N, C-alpha and C. Protein backbone atom coordinates (compact mmCIF):
# COMPACT_ATOMS: atom_id res chain seq x y z
N MET A 1 7.14 -22.09 12.51
CA MET A 1 7.20 -21.00 11.42
C MET A 1 5.71 -20.29 11.41
N GLU A 2 5.83 -18.97 11.74
CA GLU A 2 4.68 -18.48 11.30
C GLU A 2 4.00 -18.30 9.63
N THR A 3 3.18 -18.30 9.65
CA THR A 3 2.36 -18.43 8.06
C THR A 3 1.85 -16.87 8.14
N LYS A 4 2.10 -16.11 7.39
CA LYS A 4 1.28 -14.83 7.13
C LYS A 4 0.18 -15.36 6.26
N GLN A 5 -0.60 -14.21 6.22
CA GLN A 5 -1.95 -14.19 5.47
C GLN A 5 -1.54 -13.35 4.57
N ILE A 6 -2.42 -13.73 3.21
CA ILE A 6 -2.86 -12.80 2.21
C ILE A 6 -3.47 -11.32 2.83
N ALA A 7 -4.89 -12.31 3.48
CA ALA A 7 -5.60 -10.67 3.59
C ALA A 7 -6.66 -11.29 4.67
N TYR A 8 -7.39 -10.04 5.32
CA TYR A 8 -8.02 -10.84 6.06
C TYR A 8 -9.65 -9.90 6.13
N LYS A 9 -10.84 -10.55 6.29
CA LYS A 9 -12.29 -9.96 6.26
C LYS A 9 -12.44 -9.12 7.26
N PHE A 10 -12.90 -7.82 6.42
CA PHE A 10 -13.39 -6.58 7.22
C PHE A 10 -14.44 -6.10 7.35
N VAL A 11 -15.39 -6.54 6.73
CA VAL A 11 -16.79 -6.44 6.83
C VAL A 11 -17.17 -7.13 7.70
N ASN A 12 -19.04 -6.97 8.30
CA ASN A 12 -19.37 -7.97 8.69
C ASN A 12 -20.35 -8.92 7.88
N TRP A 13 -20.71 -8.13 7.17
CA TRP A 13 -21.58 -8.88 6.14
C TRP A 13 -20.75 -10.16 5.09
N GLY A 14 -21.53 -11.03 4.58
CA GLY A 14 -20.70 -12.23 3.68
C GLY A 14 -20.26 -11.71 2.69
N VAL A 15 -19.27 -12.35 2.51
CA VAL A 15 -18.30 -12.19 1.18
C VAL A 15 -17.97 -13.61 0.21
N GLY A 16 -17.61 -13.15 -0.93
CA GLY A 16 -17.06 -14.40 -1.34
C GLY A 16 -15.85 -15.04 -0.65
N LYS A 17 -14.94 -16.12 -1.52
CA LYS A 17 -14.09 -16.81 -1.10
C LYS A 17 -12.98 -16.12 -1.51
N LEU A 18 -12.08 -16.16 -0.49
CA LEU A 18 -10.37 -15.11 -1.04
C LEU A 18 -9.76 -15.39 -2.26
N GLU A 19 -10.14 -16.85 -2.65
CA GLU A 19 -9.36 -17.55 -3.66
C GLU A 19 -9.91 -16.63 -4.89
N GLU A 20 -11.35 -16.53 -4.96
CA GLU A 20 -11.82 -15.93 -5.78
C GLU A 20 -11.02 -14.63 -7.00
N LEU A 21 -10.11 -14.08 -5.89
CA LEU A 21 -9.42 -13.04 -5.95
C LEU A 21 -8.19 -13.19 -6.45
N LYS A 22 -7.83 -13.98 -6.77
CA LYS A 22 -6.24 -13.95 -7.45
C LYS A 22 -5.68 -14.10 -8.10
N THR A 23 -6.76 -12.95 -9.39
CA THR A 23 -5.98 -12.38 -10.18
C THR A 23 -6.31 -10.77 -10.06
N SER A 24 -6.85 -10.63 -8.95
CA SER A 24 -6.68 -8.59 -8.69
C SER A 24 -5.27 -8.69 -8.13
N PHE A 25 -4.60 -7.22 -8.25
CA PHE A 25 -3.53 -6.66 -8.10
C PHE A 25 -3.10 -6.69 -6.85
N PRO A 26 -4.06 -6.23 -5.78
CA PRO A 26 -3.30 -6.40 -4.69
C PRO A 26 -3.24 -8.11 -3.77
N TYR A 27 -4.36 -9.16 -4.60
CA TYR A 27 -3.96 -10.28 -4.43
C TYR A 27 -2.80 -10.92 -5.00
N ARG A 28 -1.97 -10.79 -6.25
CA ARG A 28 -0.74 -11.38 -6.64
C ARG A 28 0.56 -10.06 -5.89
N LEU A 29 0.29 -8.72 -5.68
CA LEU A 29 1.47 -8.02 -5.16
C LEU A 29 1.41 -8.58 -3.49
N LYS A 30 0.56 -8.99 -3.01
CA LYS A 30 0.47 -9.42 -1.71
C LYS A 30 1.19 -11.01 -1.75
N THR A 31 1.18 -11.80 -2.24
CA THR A 31 1.81 -13.01 -2.60
C THR A 31 3.04 -12.94 -3.04
N LYS A 32 3.60 -12.07 -3.60
CA LYS A 32 4.82 -12.14 -4.39
C LYS A 32 5.18 -11.00 -3.13
N VAL A 33 4.51 -10.13 -2.16
CA VAL A 33 5.62 -9.88 -1.14
C VAL A 33 5.85 -10.98 -0.18
N LEU A 34 4.97 -11.71 0.33
CA LEU A 34 4.90 -12.54 0.80
C LEU A 34 6.25 -13.75 0.42
N LYS A 35 6.75 -13.84 -0.38
CA LYS A 35 7.68 -15.02 -1.05
C LYS A 35 8.76 -13.97 -1.26
N ASN A 36 8.70 -13.14 -1.04
CA ASN A 36 9.80 -12.43 -0.88
C ASN A 36 10.49 -11.82 -2.07
N LYS A 37 9.91 -11.77 -3.18
CA LYS A 37 10.23 -11.57 -4.70
C LYS A 37 10.07 -10.32 -5.20
N LYS A 38 10.94 -9.69 -5.80
CA LYS A 38 11.43 -8.57 -6.24
C LYS A 38 9.94 -7.66 -6.55
N ILE A 39 9.78 -6.22 -6.61
CA ILE A 39 8.61 -5.73 -6.79
C ILE A 39 9.04 -4.84 -7.76
N THR A 40 8.48 -4.61 -9.09
CA THR A 40 8.62 -3.84 -10.16
C THR A 40 8.46 -2.38 -9.80
N ARG A 41 9.15 -1.37 -10.74
CA ARG A 41 8.16 0.35 -10.35
C ARG A 41 7.04 0.32 -10.54
N LYS A 42 6.63 -0.32 -11.77
CA LYS A 42 4.87 -0.10 -12.11
C LYS A 42 4.22 -0.71 -10.34
N GLU A 43 4.36 -1.52 -10.15
CA GLU A 43 4.08 -2.26 -9.23
C GLU A 43 3.76 -0.91 -7.79
N LYS A 44 4.91 -0.78 -7.53
CA LYS A 44 5.28 0.21 -6.30
C LYS A 44 4.32 1.52 -6.47
N ASN A 45 4.39 1.89 -7.80
CA ASN A 45 3.71 3.10 -8.00
C ASN A 45 2.27 2.71 -8.66
N GLN A 46 1.46 1.69 -8.56
CA GLN A 46 0.31 1.35 -8.81
C GLN A 46 0.06 1.34 -7.02
N LEU A 47 0.72 0.50 -6.47
CA LEU A 47 0.61 0.50 -4.52
C LEU A 47 0.04 1.52 -4.05
N TYR A 48 1.07 2.36 -4.15
CA TYR A 48 0.88 3.99 -3.74
C TYR A 48 -0.53 4.34 -4.25
N ALA A 49 -0.48 4.24 -5.11
CA ALA A 49 -2.09 5.13 -6.06
C ALA A 49 -3.15 4.36 -5.25
N GLU A 50 -3.19 3.13 -5.15
CA GLU A 50 -4.20 2.36 -4.86
C GLU A 50 -4.07 2.91 -3.23
N LEU A 51 -3.56 2.96 -2.50
CA LEU A 51 -3.32 3.37 -0.93
C LEU A 51 -3.90 4.60 -0.77
N GLN A 52 -3.38 5.69 -1.84
CA GLN A 52 -3.97 6.91 -1.77
C GLN A 52 -5.66 7.15 -2.12
N HIS A 53 -5.92 5.89 -2.97
CA HIS A 53 -7.27 6.40 -3.46
C HIS A 53 -8.64 5.29 -2.54
N ASN A 54 -8.41 4.97 -1.21
CA ASN A 54 -9.15 4.31 -0.49
C ASN A 54 -9.38 4.93 0.95
N SER A 55 -10.42 4.97 1.63
CA SER A 55 -10.77 5.61 2.37
C SER A 55 -10.78 4.44 3.60
N TYR A 56 -10.77 3.61 3.77
CA TYR A 56 -10.83 2.34 4.59
C TYR A 56 -9.40 2.18 5.21
N SER A 57 -7.91 2.31 4.52
CA SER A 57 -6.60 1.80 5.45
C SER A 57 -5.48 2.77 4.61
N LYS A 58 -4.89 3.22 5.49
CA LYS A 58 -3.40 3.96 4.51
C LYS A 58 -2.40 3.01 4.56
N THR A 59 -2.49 1.80 4.89
CA THR A 59 -1.47 0.98 4.44
C THR A 59 -2.15 -0.71 3.67
N GLY A 60 -3.56 -0.33 3.52
CA GLY A 60 -3.82 -1.33 2.55
C GLY A 60 -4.75 -1.04 1.83
N ILE A 61 -5.08 -2.11 0.91
CA ILE A 61 -6.17 -2.13 -0.11
C ILE A 61 -7.07 -3.05 -0.35
N PRO A 62 -8.45 -2.45 0.15
CA PRO A 62 -9.47 -3.20 0.27
C PRO A 62 -9.94 -3.77 -0.83
N LEU A 63 -10.59 -4.96 -0.87
CA LEU A 63 -11.51 -5.37 -1.96
C LEU A 63 -12.16 -6.51 -1.75
N HIS A 64 -13.53 -5.78 -2.21
CA HIS A 64 -14.97 -7.18 -2.04
C HIS A 64 -14.77 -7.65 -0.72
N GLY A 65 -14.58 -6.78 0.37
CA GLY A 65 -14.70 -7.27 1.78
C GLY A 65 -13.27 -7.88 2.30
N TYR A 66 -12.29 -7.95 1.69
CA TYR A 66 -10.89 -8.10 1.98
C TYR A 66 -9.98 -7.11 2.33
N MET A 67 -9.21 -7.20 3.24
CA MET A 67 -7.88 -6.25 3.21
C MET A 67 -6.74 -6.71 2.88
N PHE A 68 -6.01 -6.09 2.15
CA PHE A 68 -4.49 -6.67 1.94
C PHE A 68 -3.78 -5.50 2.38
N ASP A 69 -3.01 -6.47 3.32
CA ASP A 69 -2.60 -5.00 4.25
C ASP A 69 -0.80 -5.39 4.11
N PHE A 70 -0.44 -4.16 3.58
CA PHE A 70 1.11 -3.86 3.21
C PHE A 70 1.61 -3.17 4.00
N SER A 71 1.23 -3.13 5.29
CA SER A 71 2.41 -2.25 6.26
C SER A 71 3.59 -2.99 6.39
N ASP A 72 3.97 -3.97 6.22
CA ASP A 72 5.12 -4.34 6.41
C ASP A 72 6.28 -4.21 5.27
N VAL A 73 5.54 -3.62 4.19
CA VAL A 73 6.93 -3.27 3.42
C VAL A 73 6.69 -1.27 3.12
N LEU A 74 6.15 -0.92 4.26
CA LEU A 74 5.81 0.35 3.26
C LEU A 74 6.62 1.35 5.05
N ASN A 75 7.04 2.54 4.18
CA ASN A 75 7.64 3.30 5.09
C ASN A 75 6.47 4.30 5.03
N GLU A 76 6.86 5.49 6.39
CA GLU A 76 5.77 6.73 6.71
C GLU A 76 6.83 7.68 5.82
N TYR A 77 6.50 8.37 5.35
CA TYR A 77 6.83 9.74 4.73
C TYR A 77 6.17 11.01 5.16
N PHE A 78 6.62 11.92 5.07
CA PHE A 78 5.87 13.42 5.56
C PHE A 78 6.24 14.20 4.18
N ILE A 79 5.25 14.63 3.50
CA ILE A 79 5.16 15.84 2.47
C ILE A 79 5.15 16.87 2.26
N GLU A 80 6.03 17.65 1.73
CA GLU A 80 5.64 19.05 2.22
C GLU A 80 5.58 19.80 0.70
N MET A 81 4.14 20.07 0.49
CA MET A 81 3.85 20.68 -1.11
C MET A 81 4.00 22.23 -1.17
N ASP A 82 4.28 22.20 -2.05
CA ASP A 82 4.45 23.87 -2.81
C ASP A 82 3.55 25.26 -2.23
N HIS A 83 2.72 24.43 -2.06
CA HIS A 83 1.24 25.44 -1.36
C HIS A 83 1.48 25.35 -0.23
N GLY A 84 2.40 25.09 0.76
CA GLY A 84 2.39 24.80 2.13
C GLY A 84 2.03 23.85 2.88
N GLY A 85 1.36 23.39 2.27
CA GLY A 85 0.32 22.00 3.45
C GLY A 85 1.55 21.16 3.77
N ILE A 86 1.29 19.92 5.06
CA ILE A 86 2.66 19.22 5.02
C ILE A 86 1.18 17.76 5.13
N PHE A 87 1.67 16.44 4.43
CA PHE A 87 1.09 15.47 5.29
C PHE A 87 1.51 14.38 5.03
N LYS A 88 0.88 13.38 5.94
CA LYS A 88 1.43 12.04 6.19
C LYS A 88 0.72 10.91 5.37
N VAL A 89 2.15 10.25 4.71
CA VAL A 89 1.21 9.15 3.57
C VAL A 89 2.54 7.76 4.04
N PHE A 90 1.83 6.79 3.27
CA PHE A 90 2.84 5.80 3.33
C PHE A 90 2.95 4.78 2.02
N ALA A 91 4.24 4.87 1.92
CA ALA A 91 4.63 4.33 0.59
C ALA A 91 5.85 3.37 0.64
N ILE A 92 6.62 2.46 -0.57
CA ILE A 92 7.67 2.17 -0.47
C ILE A 92 8.84 2.80 -0.70
N ASP A 93 8.59 3.67 -1.11
CA ASP A 93 10.07 4.41 -1.08
C ASP A 93 9.59 5.90 -1.82
N LYS A 94 10.46 6.67 -2.02
CA LYS A 94 9.99 8.64 -2.76
C LYS A 94 9.80 8.18 -3.94
N THR A 95 10.15 7.58 -4.83
CA THR A 95 9.93 7.95 -5.92
C THR A 95 8.43 7.37 -6.68
N SER A 96 8.03 6.40 -5.65
CA SER A 96 6.63 6.15 -5.89
C SER A 96 5.78 7.15 -5.69
N ILE A 97 6.20 8.05 -4.68
CA ILE A 97 5.06 9.16 -4.46
C ILE A 97 5.37 10.25 -5.26
N ARG A 98 6.87 10.46 -5.47
CA ARG A 98 7.07 11.68 -6.82
C ARG A 98 6.51 11.23 -8.10
N GLU A 99 6.01 9.97 -8.24
CA GLU A 99 5.17 10.00 -9.91
C GLU A 99 3.87 9.80 -9.56
N ASN A 100 3.36 9.79 -8.44
CA ASN A 100 1.64 9.97 -8.13
C ASN A 100 1.44 11.34 -7.95
N GLU A 101 2.29 12.08 -7.44
CA GLU A 101 1.88 13.08 -6.82
C GLU A 101 2.71 14.76 -7.76
N ARG A 102 2.08 15.49 -7.64
CA ARG A 102 2.50 16.77 -8.01
C ARG A 102 2.48 18.10 -7.17
N GLY A 103 3.14 18.85 -7.42
CA GLY A 103 3.56 20.14 -6.73
C GLY A 103 4.25 19.78 -5.18
N ILE A 104 5.27 18.79 -5.01
CA ILE A 104 6.33 18.26 -4.11
C ILE A 104 7.14 19.38 -3.70
N LYS A 105 7.58 20.07 -2.93
CA LYS A 105 8.57 20.28 -2.31
C LYS A 105 9.55 19.71 -1.89
N LYS A 106 8.96 18.69 -0.89
CA LYS A 106 10.26 17.89 0.28
C LYS A 106 9.46 16.99 0.43
N ILE A 107 10.08 15.77 0.32
CA ILE A 107 9.49 14.69 1.23
C ILE A 107 10.77 14.38 2.27
N VAL A 108 10.49 14.06 3.27
CA VAL A 108 10.99 13.24 4.39
C VAL A 108 10.86 12.07 4.93
N LEU A 109 11.55 10.62 5.34
CA LEU A 109 11.04 9.67 5.88
C LEU A 109 10.91 10.02 7.46
N SER A 110 10.30 9.52 7.63
CA SER A 110 9.47 10.38 9.67
C SER A 110 10.66 8.74 10.07
N VAL A 111 10.55 7.49 9.70
CA VAL A 111 11.15 7.14 10.90
C VAL A 111 12.04 5.80 10.44
N GLU A 112 13.01 5.59 10.34
CA GLU A 112 13.93 4.17 10.14
C GLU A 112 13.20 2.85 10.48
N LYS A 113 12.87 2.12 9.49
CA LYS A 113 12.40 0.62 10.13
C LYS A 113 13.90 0.02 10.25
N ILE A 114 13.32 -0.73 11.24
CA ILE A 114 14.88 -1.61 12.41
C ILE A 114 15.16 -3.01 11.63
């Protein structure tokens, strides 16, 4: 049986122990995902917002030198904006994108997961 990791260290310098982050949003959400528990709408929306507001990864949340990767539950979408721009995002569903973005003309799922 393969054991999935909650997060991995992605910096070269020393960091604290991963257990110190147990109360953080990414740690709790990743634990929930690994246990196949249902994710709430609020958590889906917050995950999308966190993914859009970091410059280290499009599928993970960095926190204190650790990367919490959510690529196993994310889908790739293309968003066409009212002003004509098109860009790629990763999200659990279209609703979390609509809740966080304004001026959306169209959302298209890039590739179906198998």
